[in-house]
Amino acid sequence: MATMNPTKHDARQNNPGDRHNANDADKPGAEKSTVDKAKDYASDLADRAKDMAKDAAHSAKDMAKDAANTAEKKTDSAIHSVGSGMESLAGTIREKGPHEGTLGSATSRLAQTLESGGHYLKEEGIGSIAEDLTDVIRRNPVPALLVGVGLGFLLARATRS
């Protein structure tokens, strides 16, 4: 039977360059593996966070589109109602207004204007009205600016009182 020399055995355990060291976590290969695992985990978390942010943004975008579509439908419905009201008012003015003389022709023109405006509002949607308004502003920028300033002034006076 072979006997072990306790001094040689103790020296072998205390040798830092020996591959059979009891503490495997201090090996360079083990450290790299742990660091790589941490990097992979952090990368996975970052990817999940990006995906969640994309999903949230997509959901918010869809909700905004739905809200805009709902608002557009309600606006179109309200504009259609205003157009119908204008046409109805035009009919009432025609029936009950004067038919002869200067006042009769003014009443007739007013009724015709109300009727054509009501028809326009009923037939066109808010998108078409916005395009038409944009075209008018582009063709007449100074008057449009003056109208905007005037409306702003009137709104300011109305809300201040």
Protein backbone atom coordinates (compact mmCIF):
# COMPACT_ATOMS: atom_id res chain seq x y z
CA MET A 1 0.00 0.00 0.00
CA ALA A 2 1.32 3.38 -0.97
CA THR A 3 1.45 6.08 1.59
CA MET A 4 0.89 9.65 0.79
CA ASN A 5 3.18 12.32 1.96
CA PRO A 6 1.02 14.95 3.69
CA THR A 7 3.43 17.74 2.82
CA LYS A 8 3.25 17.06 -0.89
CA HIS A 9 -0.54 16.80 -0.74
CA ASP A 10 -0.85 20.17 1.05
CA ALA A 11 1.53 21.79 -1.42
CA ARG A 12 -0.51 20.53 -4.35
CA GLN A 13 -3.71 22.09 -2.97
CA ASN A 14 -2.07 25.46 -2.35
CA ASN A 15 -0.51 25.72 -5.82
CA PRO A 16 -2.51 28.42 -7.64
CA GLY A 17 -1.46 27.22 -11.12
CA ASP A 18 -2.66 23.64 -10.56
CA ARG A 19 -5.76 22.64 -12.63
CA HIS A 20 -7.23 20.63 -9.78
CA ASN A 21 -7.88 23.62 -7.56
CA ALA A 22 -10.91 23.13 -5.30
CA ASN A 23 -12.47 26.50 -6.21
CA ASP A 24 -13.69 26.13 -9.85
CA ALA A 25 -15.44 29.51 -9.86
CA ASP A 26 -12.07 31.27 -9.93
CA LYS A 27 -11.20 29.76 -13.32
CA PRO A 28 -11.12 32.21 -16.24
CA GLY A 29 -13.41 29.93 -18.30
CA ALA A 30 -16.04 29.87 -15.56
CA GLU A 31 -16.00 33.67 -15.20
CA LYS A 32 -16.47 34.15 -18.93
CA SER A 33 -19.37 31.74 -18.96
CA THR A 34 -21.09 33.64 -16.13
CA VAL A 35 -20.45 36.99 -17.81
CA ASP A 36 -21.76 35.65 -21.11
CA LYS A 37 -24.85 34.35 -19.37
CA ALA A 38 -25.41 37.75 -17.77
CA LYS A 39 -24.95 39.48 -21.13
CA ASP A 40 -27.36 37.09 -22.81
CA TYR A 41 -29.91 37.61 -20.05
CA ALA A 42 -29.57 41.39 -20.30
CA SER A 43 -29.87 41.17 -24.08
CA ASP A 44 -33.01 39.05 -23.78
CA LEU A 45 -34.49 41.54 -21.32
CA ALA A 46 -33.67 44.42 -23.66
CA ASP A 47 -35.28 42.58 -26.59
CA ARG A 48 -38.39 41.89 -24.53
CA ALA A 49 -38.57 45.52 -23.45
CA LYS A 50 -38.24 46.63 -27.09
CA ASP A 51 -40.97 44.23 -28.13
CA MET A 52 -43.23 45.43 -25.34
CA ALA A 53 -42.59 49.06 -26.30
CA LYS A 54 -43.35 48.28 -29.95
CA ASP A 55 -46.56 46.50 -28.96
CA ALA A 56 -47.60 49.39 -26.72
CA ALA A 57 -46.86 51.91 -29.46
CA HIS A 58 -48.80 49.83 -31.98
CA SER A 59 -51.75 49.57 -29.59
CA ALA A 60 -51.66 53.30 -28.93
CA LYS A 61 -51.52 53.97 -32.66
CA ASP A 62 -54.52 51.70 -33.26
CA MET A 63 -56.45 53.37 -30.44
CA ALA A 64 -55.64 56.81 -31.86
CA LYS A 65 -56.80 55.73 -35.32
CA ASP A 66 -60.02 54.35 -33.86
CA ALA A 67 -60.61 57.56 -31.90
CA ALA A 68 -59.92 59.66 -35.00
CA ASN A 69 -62.30 57.54 -37.08
CA THR A 70 -65.00 57.81 -34.43
CA ALA A 71 -64.50 61.58 -34.18
CA GLU A 72 -64.62 61.90 -37.98
CA LYS A 73 -67.87 59.91 -38.14
CA LYS A 74 -69.45 62.02 -35.40
CA THR A 75 -68.28 65.21 -37.09
CA ASP A 76 -69.62 64.05 -40.44
CA SER A 77 -72.93 63.22 -38.78
CA ALA A 78 -73.09 66.65 -37.12
CA ILE A 79 -72.20 68.40 -40.38
CA HIS A 80 -74.87 66.40 -42.19
CA SER A 81 -77.40 67.50 -39.56
CA VAL A 82 -76.36 71.15 -39.96
CA GLY A 83 -76.71 70.81 -43.74
CA SER A 84 -80.20 69.36 -43.37
CA GLY A 85 -81.11 72.19 -41.01
CA MET A 86 -79.86 74.77 -43.51
CA GLU A 87 -81.91 73.22 -46.29
CA SER A 88 -84.96 73.16 -44.04
CA LEU A 89 -84.43 76.82 -43.12
CA ALA A 90 -84.10 77.68 -46.80
CA GLY A 91 -87.48 76.04 -47.45
CA THR A 92 -89.06 77.93 -44.56
CA ILE A 93 -87.65 81.25 -45.81
CA ARG A 94 -88.99 80.56 -49.30
CA GLU A 95 -92.45 79.75 -47.97
CA LYS A 96 -92.84 82.54 -45.46
CA GLY A 97 -90.66 85.29 -46.90
CA PRO A 98 -91.77 88.02 -49.28
CA HIS A 99 -91.96 87.00 -52.95
CA GLU A 100 -91.99 90.35 -54.70
CA GLY A 101 -89.73 93.36 -54.93
CA THR A 102 -86.22 93.90 -53.71
CA LEU A 103 -86.89 92.18 -50.41
CA GLY A 104 -88.36 89.18 -52.26
CA SER A 105 -85.26 88.78 -54.47
CA ALA A 106 -82.95 89.12 -51.42
CA THR A 107 -85.00 86.48 -49.62
CA SER A 108 -84.83 84.23 -52.67
CA ARG A 109 -81.01 84.61 -52.91
CA LEU A 110 -80.66 83.92 -49.18
CA ALA A 111 -82.78 80.77 -49.46
CA GLN A 112 -80.80 79.62 -52.51
CA THR A 113 -77.48 80.20 -50.71
CA LEU A 114 -78.67 78.36 -47.61
CA GLU A 115 -79.94 75.50 -49.72
CA SER A 116 -76.72 75.12 -51.72
CA GLY A 117 -74.61 75.39 -48.53
CA GLY A 118 -76.78 72.80 -46.83
CA HIS A 119 -76.48 70.50 -49.83
CA TYR A 120 -72.69 70.94 -49.83
CA LEU A 121 -72.47 70.09 -46.13
CA LYS A 122 -74.68 67.03 -46.53
CA GLU A 123 -72.81 65.65 -49.54
CA GLU A 124 -69.19 66.36 -48.57
CA GLY A 125 -67.40 64.86 -45.60
CA ILE A 126 -65.11 66.63 -43.19
CA GLY A 127 -62.04 65.60 -45.20
CA SER A 128 -63.33 67.22 -48.36
CA ILE A 129 -64.35 70.35 -46.49
CA ALA A 130 -60.87 70.59 -44.94
CA GLU A 131 -59.26 70.25 -48.38
CA ASP A 132 -61.51 72.97 -49.80
CA LEU A 133 -60.72 75.26 -46.89
CA THR A 134 -56.99 74.64 -47.35
CA ASP A 135 -57.27 75.53 -51.03
CA VAL A 136 -59.11 78.78 -50.24
CA ILE A 137 -56.46 79.74 -47.67
CA ARG A 138 -53.63 79.01 -50.14
CA ARG A 139 -55.27 81.14 -52.83
CA ASN A 140 -56.07 84.00 -50.41
CA PRO A 141 -53.51 83.99 -47.58
CA VAL A 142 -53.86 87.64 -46.45
CA PRO A 143 -57.67 87.65 -46.18
CA ALA A 144 -57.51 84.27 -44.44
CA LEU A 145 -55.03 85.67 -41.94
CA LEU A 146 -57.22 88.71 -41.32
CA VAL A 147 -60.29 86.50 -40.82
CA GLY A 148 -58.31 84.36 -38.36
CA VAL A 149 -57.17 87.39 -36.39
CA GLY A 150 -60.72 88.76 -36.36
CA LEU A 151 -62.16 85.44 -35.14
CA GLY A 152 -59.47 85.23 -32.48
CA PHE A 153 -60.29 88.73 -31.30
CA LEU A 154 -64.02 87.96 -31.13
CA LEU A 155 -63.39 84.69 -29.27
CA ALA A 156 -61.10 86.48 -26.80
CA ARG A 157 -63.74 89.14 -26.13
CA ALA A 158 -66.48 86.54 -25.76
CA THR A 159 -64.55 84.46 -23.25
CA ARG A 160 -63.29 87.43 -21.23
CA SER A 161 -66.76 88.74 -20.29
